[in-house]
Amino acid sequence: MKILVSGSLAYDRIMNFNGRFKDHILPDKIHILNVSFLVDTFRQSFGGTAVNIAYSLSLLGEKATVLSSYGNDFHDYGKWLRSKGINYSYCKKVSDLATASAYVITDKDDNQIAGFFPGSMKFNSLTPPPQMLGSKSIGIVSPGNSTDMKKYPELYKKTKTPYIFDPGQQIPVLSQRDLINGIQGSKALITNDYELVCILNKLRLNMRDLLGMTEMVVNTKGEKGSVIVTRDQKHIIPPAKPKNTSDPTGAGDAYRAGFIKGLIMGYPLPKIGKLAAVVSVYTVEAYGTQTHSFTWGEVQKRYYQNFKEKL
């Protein structure tokens, strides 16, 4: 099955501050805020929602096509994608801009100050050809270029390509009409707790209304697991247990990869949710979003350890 993943492609530039922001920010002076933090470590890694999902799919034995854009500093990232068998031939090359970048400083209390430079993400991706679309393909529309997030739901519905809508951080940017267009006719809407409330409030709907637009709503709850709700059933999915909690960044993207793999395998929804939970903990255990690794055999073993049933 062909898997199409639209969303962001970015460099993550992570810095650690060996102190606490609250000790350096004076509440009565925030109107003239001017602070600088001396960081102890700096790490550049490959990131972006679309590629994070595609990366975990590659570990699960699935070849995904990323639909995004990249800039004039893409050489190392492109080499990485080729080594993982991830197709980026329908990403747009933007020669006069750098690739999108996230700059994040984290303090000792795990508080973060972040800045995001969209760079090449200002441009939408190239459109895949008809032979990559249809009932034997599946798409996921994850947070990225807003034009892509409007375009792909329309394209997938027109070509009868099942797709997952995952608006995430772009919910504030998308209009009511854009959100309805993305959700209506989707195979699944994936959100976290906060995002689900934002969508319901923005659309002035309740869960029953929402389930009239999509086959299911998948609500991730971090360390509390997830919930998969259809029009007829509600499945409460327990979390898988990580060996450590080094870095939760990217766990949601790994969950989505596991969810897609479960759909492709034809598993029942509770098993799909549990597989997604297992895949998500691998990235929690490693710093970065594309630094974890596993084999299908290891996933099967870990699935049994967590849920006492065979995958």
C-alpha atoms as a PDB file:
ATOM      1  CA  MET A   1       0.000   0.000   0.000  1.00  0.00           C
ATOM      2  CA  LYS A   2       1.238   3.506  -0.851  1.00  0.00           C
ATOM      3  CA  ILE A   3       1.470   5.892   2.096  1.00  0.00           C
ATOM      4  CA  LEU A   4       1.417   9.662   1.534  1.00  0.00           C
ATOM      5  CA  VAL A   5       2.490  11.888   4.424  1.00  0.00           C
ATOM      6  CA  SER A   6       2.050  15.636   4.097  1.00  0.00           C
ATOM      7  CA  GLY A   7       3.252  18.044   6.767  1.00  0.00           C
ATOM      8  CA  SER A   8       6.402  19.790   7.896  1.00  0.00           C
ATOM      9  CA  LEU A   9      10.018  18.954   7.161  1.00  0.00           C
ATOM     10  CA  ALA A  10      12.379  20.811   9.457  1.00  0.00           C
ATOM     11  CA  TYR A  11      15.626  20.919  11.364  1.00  0.00           C
ATOM     12  CA  ASP A  12      15.252  20.792  15.149  1.00  0.00           C
ATOM     13  CA  ARG A  13      17.895  22.854  16.920  1.00  0.00           C
ATOM     14  CA  ILE A  14      17.692  22.026  20.608  1.00  0.00           C
ATOM     15  CA  MET A  15      19.569  23.835  23.384  1.00  0.00           C
ATOM     16  CA  ASN A  16      19.680  23.091  27.125  1.00  0.00           C
ATOM     17  CA  PHE A  17      19.935  25.810  29.758  1.00  0.00           C
ATOM     18  CA  ASN A  18      21.331  24.567  33.091  1.00  0.00           C
ATOM     19  CA  GLY A  19      19.170  26.914  35.118  1.00  0.00           C
ATOM     20  CA  ARG A  20      15.553  28.033  35.488  1.00  0.00           C
ATOM     21  CA  PHE A  21      13.915  30.651  33.300  1.00  0.00           C
ATOM     22  CA  LYS A  22      11.875  31.897  36.280  1.00  0.00           C
ATOM     23  CA  ASP A  23      15.073  32.990  38.027  1.00  0.00           C
ATOM     24  CA  HIS A  24      15.933  35.335  35.155  1.00  0.00           C
ATOM     25  CA  ILE A  25      12.550  36.709  34.111  1.00  0.00           C
ATOM     26  CA  LEU A  26      11.232  39.471  36.366  1.00  0.00           C
ATOM     27  CA  PRO A  27       7.403  39.504  36.325  1.00  0.00           C
ATOM     28  CA  ASP A  28       7.194  43.280  36.846  1.00  0.00           C
ATOM     29  CA  LYS A  29       9.592  43.917  33.938  1.00  0.00           C
ATOM     30  CA  ILE A  30       8.106  41.725  31.199  1.00  0.00           C
ATOM     31  CA  HIS A  31       7.030  44.843  29.292  1.00  0.00           C
ATOM     32  CA  ILE A  32      10.751  45.491  28.699  1.00  0.00           C
ATOM     33  CA  LEU A  33      11.877  41.887  28.563  1.00  0.00           C
ATOM     34  CA  ASN A  34      15.495  41.486  27.460  1.00  0.00           C
ATOM     35  CA  VAL A  35      17.100  38.224  28.516  1.00  0.00           C
ATOM     36  CA  SER A  36      19.876  35.989  27.251  1.00  0.00           C
ATOM     37  CA  PHE A  37      20.579  32.405  28.308  1.00  0.00           C
ATOM     38  CA  LEU A  38      23.995  30.747  28.132  1.00  0.00           C
ATOM     39  CA  VAL A  39      23.232  27.207  26.947  1.00  0.00           C
ATOM     40  CA  ASP A  40      25.301  24.155  27.858  1.00  0.00           C
ATOM     41  CA  THR A  41      24.468  21.916  24.920  1.00  0.00           C
ATOM     42  CA  PHE A  42      23.361  22.339  21.335  1.00  0.00           C
ATOM     43  CA  ARG A  43      22.002  19.547  19.195  1.00  0.00           C
ATOM     44  CA  GLN A  44      20.771  19.686  15.620  1.00  0.00           C
ATOM     45  CA  SER A  45      18.535  16.860  14.492  1.00  0.00           C
ATOM     46  CA  PHE A  46      16.163  16.016  11.691  1.00  0.00           C
ATOM     47  CA  GLY A  47      12.501  16.717  12.409  1.00  0.00           C
ATOM     48  CA  GLY A  48       9.157  17.872  11.091  1.00  0.00           C
ATOM     49  CA  THR A  49       5.823  16.114  11.512  1.00  0.00           C
ATOM     50  CA  ALA A  50       5.737  14.494   8.066  1.00  0.00           C
ATOM     51  CA  VAL A  51       9.248  13.062   8.202  1.00  0.00           C
ATOM     52  CA  ASN A  52       8.907  11.943  11.818  1.00  0.00           C
ATOM     53  CA  ILE A  53       5.876   9.873  10.828  1.00  0.00           C
ATOM     54  CA  ALA A  54       7.579   8.535   7.700  1.00  0.00           C
ATOM     55  CA  TYR A  55      10.696   7.614   9.697  1.00  0.00           C
ATOM     56  CA  SER A  56       8.820   5.407  12.167  1.00  0.00           C
ATOM     57  CA  LEU A  57       6.872   3.884   9.275  1.00  0.00           C
ATOM     58  CA  SER A  58      10.195   2.940   7.662  1.00  0.00           C
ATOM     59  CA  LEU A  59      11.201   1.140  10.872  1.00  0.00           C
ATOM     60  CA  LEU A  60       7.868  -0.691  10.672  1.00  0.00           C
ATOM     61  CA  GLY A  61       8.752  -1.910   7.181  1.00  0.00           C
ATOM     62  CA  GLU A  62       6.582   0.574   5.260  1.00  0.00           C
ATOM     63  CA  LYS A  63       7.810   2.922   2.532  1.00  0.00           C
ATOM     64  CA  ALA A  64       6.246   6.353   2.813  1.00  0.00           C
ATOM     65  CA  THR A  65       6.283   9.349   0.502  1.00  0.00           C
ATOM     66  CA  VAL A  66       6.757  12.748   2.168  1.00  0.00           C
ATOM     67  CA  LEU A  67       4.867  15.715   0.711  1.00  0.00           C
ATOM     68  CA  SER A  68       6.509  18.924   1.922  1.00  0.00           C
ATOM     69  CA  SER A  69       9.216  21.406   0.899  1.00  0.00           C
ATOM     70  CA  TYR A  70      12.896  21.952   1.613  1.00  0.00           C
ATOM     71  CA  GLY A  71      15.467  24.694   1.238  1.00  0.00           C
ATOM     72  CA  ASN A  72      19.059  25.258   0.153  1.00  0.00           C
ATOM     73  CA  ASP A  73      20.560  23.559   3.239  1.00  0.00           C
ATOM     74  CA  PHE A  74      18.914  20.184   2.621  1.00  0.00           C
ATOM     75  CA  HIS A  75      21.948  18.123   1.528  1.00  0.00           C
ATOM     76  CA  ASP A  76      22.492  16.197   4.790  1.00  0.00           C
ATOM     77  CA  TYR A  77      18.774  15.753   5.403  1.00  0.00           C
ATOM     78  CA  GLY A  78      18.252  14.375   1.889  1.00  0.00           C
ATOM     79  CA  LYS A  79      21.083  11.911   2.395  1.00  0.00           C
ATOM     80  CA  TRP A  80      19.440  10.751   5.633  1.00  0.00           C
ATOM     81  CA  LEU A  81      16.058  10.246   3.955  1.00  0.00           C
ATOM     82  CA  ARG A  82      17.575   8.219   1.124  1.00  0.00           C
ATOM     83  CA  SER A  83      19.349   5.987   3.632  1.00  0.00           C
ATOM     84  CA  LYS A  84      15.981   5.231   5.237  1.00  0.00           C
ATOM     85  CA  GLY A  85      14.150   4.577   1.983  1.00  0.00           C
ATOM     86  CA  ILE A  86      11.880   7.608   2.391  1.00  0.00           C
ATOM     87  CA  ASN A  87      10.686   9.107  -0.882  1.00  0.00           C
ATOM     88  CA  TYR A  88      10.816  12.918  -1.027  1.00  0.00           C
ATOM     89  CA  SER A  89      10.548  13.357  -4.799  1.00  0.00           C
ATOM     90  CA  TYR A  90       7.283  15.312  -4.414  1.00  0.00           C
ATOM     91  CA  CYS A  91       8.751  17.793  -1.938  1.00  0.00           C
ATOM     92  CA  LYS A  92       9.256  21.235  -3.452  1.00  0.00           C
ATOM     93  CA  LYS A  93      12.825  22.545  -3.595  1.00  0.00           C
ATOM     94  CA  VAL A  94      13.078  26.231  -2.642  1.00  0.00           C
ATOM     95  CA  SER A  95      16.553  27.389  -3.647  1.00  0.00           C
ATOM     96  CA  ASP A  96      16.502  30.885  -2.145  1.00  0.00           C
ATOM     97  CA  LEU A  97      15.373  29.924   1.374  1.00  0.00           C
ATOM     98  CA  ALA A  98      16.629  27.673   4.142  1.00  0.00           C
ATOM     99  CA  THR A  99      14.688  24.642   5.296  1.00  0.00           C
ATOM    100  CA  ALA A 100      12.201  25.261   8.106  1.00  0.00           C
ATOM    101  CA  SER A 101      13.820  25.221  11.552  1.00  0.00           C
ATOM    102  CA  ALA A 102      12.648  24.981  15.151  1.00  0.00           C
ATOM    103  CA  TYR A 103      14.867  26.593  17.800  1.00  0.00           C
ATOM    104  CA  VAL A 104      14.126  25.392  21.331  1.00  0.00           C
ATOM    105  CA  ILE A 105      15.756  26.214  24.685  1.00  0.00           C
ATOM    106  CA  THR A 106      14.819  23.916  27.586  1.00  0.00           C
ATOM    107  CA  ASP A 107      15.552  24.729  31.222  1.00  0.00           C
ATOM    108  CA  LYS A 108      16.075  22.431  34.249  1.00  0.00           C
ATOM    109  CA  ASP A 109      12.308  22.300  34.911  1.00  0.00           C
ATOM    110  CA  ASP A 110      11.618  21.225  31.306  1.00  0.00           C
ATOM    111  CA  ASN A 111      10.092  24.606  30.511  1.00  0.00           C
ATOM    112  CA  GLN A 112      10.704  25.611  26.907  1.00  0.00           C
ATOM    113  CA  ILE A 113      11.112  28.790  24.905  1.00  0.00           C
ATOM    114  CA  ALA A 114      10.847  28.152  21.181  1.00  0.00           C
ATOM    115  CA  GLY A 115      11.014  29.980  17.903  1.00  0.00           C
ATOM    116  CA  PHE A 116      10.019  28.580  14.529  1.00  0.00           C
ATOM    117  CA  PHE A 117      11.378  29.779  11.187  1.00  0.00           C
ATOM    118  CA  PRO A 118       9.096  28.493   8.392  1.00  0.00           C
ATOM    119  CA  GLY A 119      11.595  29.099   5.589  1.00  0.00           C
ATOM    120  CA  SER A 120      10.798  26.794   2.674  1.00  0.00           C
ATOM    121  CA  MET A 121       7.578  25.665   4.393  1.00  0.00           C
ATOM    122  CA  LYS A 122       5.996  28.866   3.093  1.00  0.00           C
ATOM    123  CA  PHE A 123       5.688  26.930  -0.168  1.00  0.00           C
ATOM    124  CA  ASN A 124       3.334  24.006  -0.669  1.00  0.00           C
ATOM    125  CA  SER A 125       4.482  20.605  -1.893  1.00  0.00           C
ATOM    126  CA  LEU A 126       4.275  19.165  -5.386  1.00  0.00           C
ATOM    127  CA  THR A 127       1.132  17.141  -6.109  1.00  0.00           C
ATOM    128  CA  PRO A 128       1.639  13.360  -6.458  1.00  0.00           C
ATOM    129  CA  PRO A 129       0.473  11.778  -9.755  1.00  0.00           C
ATOM    130  CA  PRO A 130      -2.834   9.873 -10.117  1.00  0.00           C
ATOM    131  CA  GLN A 131      -1.146   6.449  -9.917  1.00  0.00           C
ATOM    132  CA  MET A 132      -0.164   7.191  -6.313  1.00  0.00           C
ATOM    133  CA  LEU A 133      -3.746   7.917  -5.268  1.00  0.00           C
ATOM    134  CA  GLY A 134      -6.892   5.837  -4.859  1.00  0.00           C
ATOM    135  CA  SER A 135      -8.280   3.097  -2.645  1.00  0.00           C
ATOM    136  CA  LYS A 136      -4.966   1.206  -2.465  1.00  0.00           C
ATOM    137  CA  SER A 137      -3.221   4.204  -0.909  1.00  0.00           C
ATOM    138  CA  ILE A 138      -3.626   6.007   2.402  1.00  0.00           C
ATOM    139  CA  GLY A 139      -2.783   9.599   3.256  1.00  0.00           C
ATOM    140  CA  ILE A 140      -2.238  11.545   6.442  1.00  0.00           C
ATOM    141  CA  VAL A 141      -2.546  15.332   6.504  1.00  0.00           C
ATOM    142  CA  SER A 142      -0.329  16.462   9.383  1.00  0.00           C
ATOM    143  CA  PRO A 143       0.604  20.020  10.485  1.00  0.00           C
ATOM    144  CA  GLY A 144       2.569  21.866   7.833  1.00  0.00           C
ATOM    145  CA  ASN A 145       2.013  24.317   5.003  1.00  0.00           C
ATOM    146  CA  SER A 146      -1.563  25.604   5.308  1.00  0.00           C
ATOM    147  CA  THR A 147      -2.210  25.368   1.555  1.00  0.00           C
ATOM    148  CA  ASP A 148      -1.272  21.683   1.630  1.00  0.00           C
ATOM    149  CA  MET A 149      -3.586  21.159   4.593  1.00  0.00           C
ATOM    150  CA  LYS A 150      -6.451  22.541   2.536  1.00  0.00           C
ATOM    151  CA  LYS A 151      -5.438  20.878  -0.726  1.00  0.00           C
ATOM    152  CA  TYR A 152      -4.915  17.287   0.296  1.00  0.00           C
ATOM    153  CA  PRO A 153      -8.300  16.548   1.905  1.00  0.00           C
ATOM    154  CA  GLU A 154      -9.954  17.761  -1.317  1.00  0.00           C
ATOM    155  CA  LEU A 155      -7.598  15.672  -3.473  1.00  0.00           C
ATOM    156  CA  TYR A 156      -8.024  12.540  -1.357  1.00  0.00           C
ATOM    157  CA  LYS A 157     -11.813  12.768  -1.400  1.00  0.00           C
ATOM    158  CA  LYS A 158     -11.843  13.395  -5.134  1.00  0.00           C
ATOM    159  CA  THR A 159      -9.644  10.339  -5.805  1.00  0.00           C
ATOM    160  CA  LYS A 160     -11.307   8.144  -3.121  1.00  0.00           C
ATOM    161  CA  THR A 161      -8.046   7.906  -1.174  1.00  0.00           C
ATOM    162  CA  PRO A 162      -8.662   7.152   2.524  1.00  0.00           C
ATOM    163  CA  TYR A 163      -6.916   9.685   4.731  1.00  0.00           C
ATOM    164  CA  ILE A 164      -6.296  10.741   8.319  1.00  0.00           C
ATOM    165  CA  PHE A 165      -6.673  14.385   9.274  1.00  0.00           C
ATOM    166  CA  ASP A 166      -4.215  15.594  11.909  1.00  0.00           C
ATOM    167  CA  PRO A 167      -4.393  19.420  12.151  1.00  0.00           C
ATOM    168  CA  GLY A 168      -2.386  19.752  15.397  1.00  0.00           C
ATOM    169  CA  GLN A 169      -0.543  23.042  15.846  1.00  0.00           C
ATOM    170  CA  GLN A 170      -2.177  24.533  12.758  1.00  0.00           C
ATOM    171  CA  ILE A 171      -5.696  24.557  14.242  1.00  0.00           C
ATOM    172  CA  PRO A 172      -5.475  28.318  14.997  1.00  0.00           C
ATOM    173  CA  VAL A 173      -4.374  29.025  11.399  1.00  0.00           C
ATOM    174  CA  LEU A 174      -7.105  26.990   9.705  1.00  0.00           C
ATOM    175  CA  SER A 175     -10.546  28.547   9.306  1.00  0.00           C
ATOM    176  CA  GLN A 176     -13.778  26.853  10.362  1.00  0.00           C
ATOM    177  CA  ARG A 177     -14.352  25.942   6.737  1.00  0.00           C
ATOM    178  CA  ASP A 178     -10.829  24.486   6.391  1.00  0.00           C
ATOM    179  CA  LEU A 179     -11.276  22.320   9.497  1.00  0.00           C
ATOM    180  CA  ILE A 180     -14.673  21.061   8.362  1.00  0.00           C
ATOM    181  CA  ASN A 181     -13.244  20.299   4.913  1.00  0.00           C
ATOM    182  CA  GLY A 182     -10.407  18.302   6.483  1.00  0.00           C
ATOM    183  CA  ILE A 183     -12.540  16.366   8.947  1.00  0.00           C
ATOM    184  CA  GLN A 184     -15.535  15.696   6.678  1.00  0.00           C
ATOM    185  CA  GLY A 185     -15.026  12.376   4.888  1.00  0.00           C
ATOM    186  CA  SER A 186     -11.801  11.447   6.703  1.00  0.00           C
ATOM    187  CA  LYS A 187     -11.081   7.950   7.947  1.00  0.00           C
ATOM    188  CA  ALA A 188      -9.885   9.375  11.251  1.00  0.00           C
ATOM    189  CA  LEU A 189      -9.336  12.652  13.037  1.00  0.00           C
ATOM    190  CA  ILE A 190      -6.304  12.473  15.356  1.00  0.00           C
ATOM    191  CA  THR A 191      -5.849  15.030  18.147  1.00  0.00           C
ATOM    192  CA  ASN A 192      -4.601  15.338  21.676  1.00  0.00           C
ATOM    193  CA  ASP A 193      -6.874  16.431  24.549  1.00  0.00           C
ATOM    194  CA  TYR A 194      -6.186  20.134  24.126  1.00  0.00           C
ATOM    195  CA  GLU A 195      -6.533  20.101  20.338  1.00  0.00           C
ATOM    196  CA  LEU A 196      -9.851  18.251  20.509  1.00  0.00           C
ATOM    197  CA  VAL A 197     -11.336  20.919  22.775  1.00  0.00           C
ATOM    198  CA  CYS A 198     -10.012  23.641  20.427  1.00  0.00           C
ATOM    199  CA  ILE A 199     -11.682  21.981  17.431  1.00  0.00           C
ATOM    200  CA  LEU A 200     -15.024  21.477  19.205  1.00  0.00           C
ATOM    201  CA  ASN A 201     -15.012  25.085  20.409  1.00  0.00           C
ATOM    202  CA  LYS A 202     -13.964  26.544  17.068  1.00  0.00           C
ATOM    203  CA  LEU A 203     -16.598  24.566  15.152  1.00  0.00           C
ATOM    204  CA  ARG A 204     -19.219  24.885  17.920  1.00  0.00           C
ATOM    205  CA  LEU A 205     -19.865  21.155  17.785  1.00  0.00           C
ATOM    206  CA  ASN A 206     -20.140  18.270  20.217  1.00  0.00           C
ATOM    207  CA  MET A 207     -18.564  14.814  19.852  1.00  0.00           C
ATOM    208  CA  ARG A 208     -21.712  13.371  18.296  1.00  0.00           C
ATOM    209  CA  ASP A 209     -21.611  16.022  15.572  1.00  0.00           C
ATOM    210  CA  LEU A 210     -17.905  15.385  15.013  1.00  0.00           C
ATOM    211  CA  LEU A 211     -18.468  11.640  14.635  1.00  0.00           C
ATOM    212  CA  GLY A 212     -21.021  12.396  11.955  1.00  0.00           C
ATOM    213  CA  MET A 213     -18.177  13.828   9.852  1.00  0.00           C
ATOM    214  CA  THR A 214     -15.410  11.223  10.290  1.00  0.00           C
ATOM    215  CA  GLU A 215     -15.233   7.461  10.859  1.00  0.00           C
ATOM    216  CA  MET A 216     -13.453   7.876  14.183  1.00  0.00           C
ATOM    217  CA  VAL A 217     -11.817  10.352  16.538  1.00  0.00           C
ATOM    218  CA  VAL A 218      -8.473   9.301  18.012  1.00  0.00           C
ATOM    219  CA  ASN A 219      -7.592  11.300  21.120  1.00  0.00           C
ATOM    220  CA  THR A 220      -4.052  10.835  22.468  1.00  0.00           C
ATOM    221  CA  LYS A 221      -3.472  11.505  26.162  1.00  0.00           C
ATOM    222  CA  GLY A 222       0.294  11.142  26.581  1.00  0.00           C
ATOM    223  CA  GLU A 223       1.240   8.933  29.518  1.00  0.00           C
ATOM    224  CA  LYS A 224      -2.468   8.180  30.118  1.00  0.00           C
ATOM    225  CA  GLY A 225      -2.834   6.344  26.803  1.00  0.00           C
ATOM    226  CA  SER A 226      -5.414   7.166  24.143  1.00  0.00           C
ATOM    227  CA  VAL A 227      -9.086   6.838  23.293  1.00  0.00           C
ATOM    228  CA  ILE A 228     -10.523   5.747  19.928  1.00  0.00           C
ATOM    229  CA  VAL A 229     -14.181   6.685  19.472  1.00  0.00           C
ATOM    230  CA  THR A 230     -16.430   5.634  16.585  1.00  0.00           C
ATOM    231  CA  ARG A 231     -20.161   6.270  16.182  1.00  0.00           C
ATOM    232  CA  ASP A 232     -20.888   2.941  17.875  1.00  0.00           C
ATOM    233  CA  GLN A 233     -17.983   2.219  20.227  1.00  0.00           C
ATOM    234  CA  LYS A 234     -15.423   3.751  22.533  1.00  0.00           C
ATOM    235  CA  HIS A 235     -12.068   2.008  22.999  1.00  0.00           C
ATOM    236  CA  ILE A 236      -9.905   3.090  25.936  1.00  0.00           C
ATOM    237  CA  ILE A 237      -6.296   2.256  25.031  1.00  0.00           C
ATOM    238  CA  PRO A 238      -3.825   1.853  27.897  1.00  0.00           C
ATOM    239  CA  PRO A 239      -0.344   3.336  27.509  1.00  0.00           C
ATOM    240  CA  ALA A 240       2.764   1.274  26.850  1.00  0.00           C
ATOM    241  CA  LYS A 241       5.515   1.664  29.435  1.00  0.00           C
ATOM    242  CA  PRO A 242       8.759   3.340  28.352  1.00  0.00           C
ATOM    243  CA  LYS A 243      12.084   2.243  29.833  1.00  0.00           C
ATOM    244  CA  ASN A 244      12.856   5.905  30.500  1.00  0.00           C
ATOM    245  CA  THR A 245      11.401   9.313  29.648  1.00  0.00           C
ATOM    246  CA  SER A 246      14.383  11.016  28.044  1.00  0.00           C
ATOM    247  CA  ASP A 247      12.439  13.158  25.579  1.00  0.00           C
ATOM    248  CA  PRO A 248       8.692  13.052  24.809  1.00  0.00           C
ATOM    249  CA  THR A 249       9.138  15.130  21.640  1.00  0.00           C
ATOM    250  CA  GLY A 250       7.858  13.241  18.613  1.00  0.00           C
ATOM    251  CA  ALA A 251       5.883  10.610  20.545  1.00  0.00           C
ATOM    252  CA  GLY A 252       2.668  11.729  18.850  1.00  0.00           C
ATOM    253  CA  ASP A 253       4.205  11.357  15.394  1.00  0.00           C
ATOM    254  CA  ALA A 254       5.431   7.847  16.244  1.00  0.00           C
ATOM    255  CA  TYR A 255       1.924   7.009  17.519  1.00  0.00           C
ATOM    256  CA  ARG A 256       0.506   8.043  14.160  1.00  0.00           C
ATOM    257  CA  ALA A 257       2.976   5.806  12.331  1.00  0.00           C
ATOM    258  CA  GLY A 258       1.932   2.852  14.487  1.00  0.00           C
ATOM    259  CA  PHE A 259      -1.723   3.693  13.892  1.00  0.00           C
ATOM    260  CA  ILE A 260      -1.232   3.719  10.116  1.00  0.00           C
ATOM    261  CA  LYS A 261       0.653   0.409  10.269  1.00  0.00           C
ATOM    262  CA  GLY A 262      -2.215  -1.115  12.226  1.00  0.00           C
ATOM    263  CA  LEU A 263      -4.748   0.078   9.663  1.00  0.00           C
ATOM    264  CA  ILE A 264      -2.684  -1.427   6.835  1.00  0.00           C
ATOM    265  CA  MET A 265      -2.439  -4.733   8.715  1.00  0.00           C
ATOM    266  CA  GLY A 266      -6.221  -4.803   9.129  1.00  0.00           C
ATOM    267  CA  TYR A 267      -6.097  -5.057  12.925  1.00  0.00           C
ATOM    268  CA  PRO A 268      -9.173  -4.309  15.063  1.00  0.00           C
ATOM    269  CA  LEU A 269      -9.166  -0.826  16.586  1.00  0.00           C
ATOM    270  CA  PRO A 270      -8.068  -1.817  20.126  1.00  0.00           C
ATOM    271  CA  LYS A 271      -5.046  -3.632  18.689  1.00  0.00           C
ATOM    272  CA  ILE A 272      -4.254  -0.680  16.390  1.00  0.00           C
ATOM    273  CA  GLY A 273      -4.268   1.664  19.390  1.00  0.00           C
ATOM    274  CA  LYS A 274      -2.010  -0.619  21.422  1.00  0.00           C
ATOM    275  CA  LEU A 275       0.444  -0.997  18.528  1.00  0.00           C
ATOM    276  CA  ALA A 276       0.542   2.795  18.182  1.00  0.00           C
ATOM    277  CA  ALA A 277       1.193   3.088  21.928  1.00  0.00           C
ATOM    278  CA  VAL A 278       4.147   0.699  21.713  1.00  0.00           C
ATOM    279  CA  VAL A 279       5.697   2.519  18.756  1.00  0.00           C
ATOM    280  CA  SER A 280       5.330   5.879  20.511  1.00  0.00           C
ATOM    281  CA  VAL A 281       7.443   4.904  23.539  1.00  0.00           C
ATOM    282  CA  TYR A 282      10.550   4.229  21.451  1.00  0.00           C
ATOM    283  CA  THR A 283      10.965   7.906  20.652  1.00  0.00           C
ATOM    284  CA  VAL A 284      10.284   8.885  24.286  1.00  0.00           C
ATOM    285  CA  GLU A 285      13.347   6.841  25.231  1.00  0.00           C
ATOM    286  CA  ALA A 286      15.720   8.702  22.876  1.00  0.00           C
ATOM    287  CA  TYR A 287      16.573  12.388  22.489  1.00  0.00           C
ATOM    288  CA  GLY A 288      15.309  13.670  19.140  1.00  0.00           C
ATOM    289  CA  THR A 289      12.478  12.567  16.913  1.00  0.00           C
ATOM    290  CA  GLN A 290      14.354  10.386  14.414  1.00  0.00           C
ATOM    291  CA  THR A 291      16.982   8.882  16.703  1.00  0.00           C
ATOM    292  CA  HIS A 292      15.122   5.798  17.945  1.00  0.00           C
ATOM    293  CA  SER A 293      15.276   2.402  16.274  1.00  0.00           C
ATOM    294  CA  PHE A 294      13.523  -0.957  16.522  1.00  0.00           C
ATOM    295  CA  THR A 295      12.712  -4.073  14.515  1.00  0.00           C
ATOM    296  CA  TRP A 296       9.296  -5.584  13.929  1.00  0.00           C
ATOM    297  CA  GLY A 297      10.321  -8.491  16.150  1.00  0.00           C
ATOM    298  CA  GLU A 298      11.183  -6.109  18.975  1.00  0.00           C
ATOM    299  CA  VAL A 299       7.814  -4.378  18.592  1.00  0.00           C
ATOM    300  CA  GLN A 300       6.021  -7.751  18.808  1.00  0.00           C
ATOM    301  CA  LYS A 301       7.941  -8.677  21.957  1.00  0.00           C
ATOM    302  CA  ARG A 302       7.285  -5.321  23.588  1.00  0.00           C
ATOM    303  CA  TYR A 303       3.622  -5.475  22.637  1.00  0.00           C
ATOM    304  CA  TYR A 304       3.298  -8.791  24.480  1.00  0.00           C
ATOM    305  CA  GLN A 305       5.212  -7.485  27.494  1.00  0.00           C
ATOM    306  CA  ASN A 306       2.805  -4.567  27.804  1.00  0.00           C
ATOM    307  CA  PHE A 307      -0.531  -6.114  26.923  1.00  0.00           C
ATOM    308  CA  LYS A 308      -0.079  -9.883  27.447  1.00  0.00           C
ATOM    309  CA  GLU A 309      -1.382 -10.715  23.996  1.00  0.00           C
ATOM    310  CA  LYS A 310       0.295 -11.476  20.697  1.00  0.00           C
ATOM    311  CA  LEU A 311       0.466  -8.857  18.001  1.00  0.00           C
END
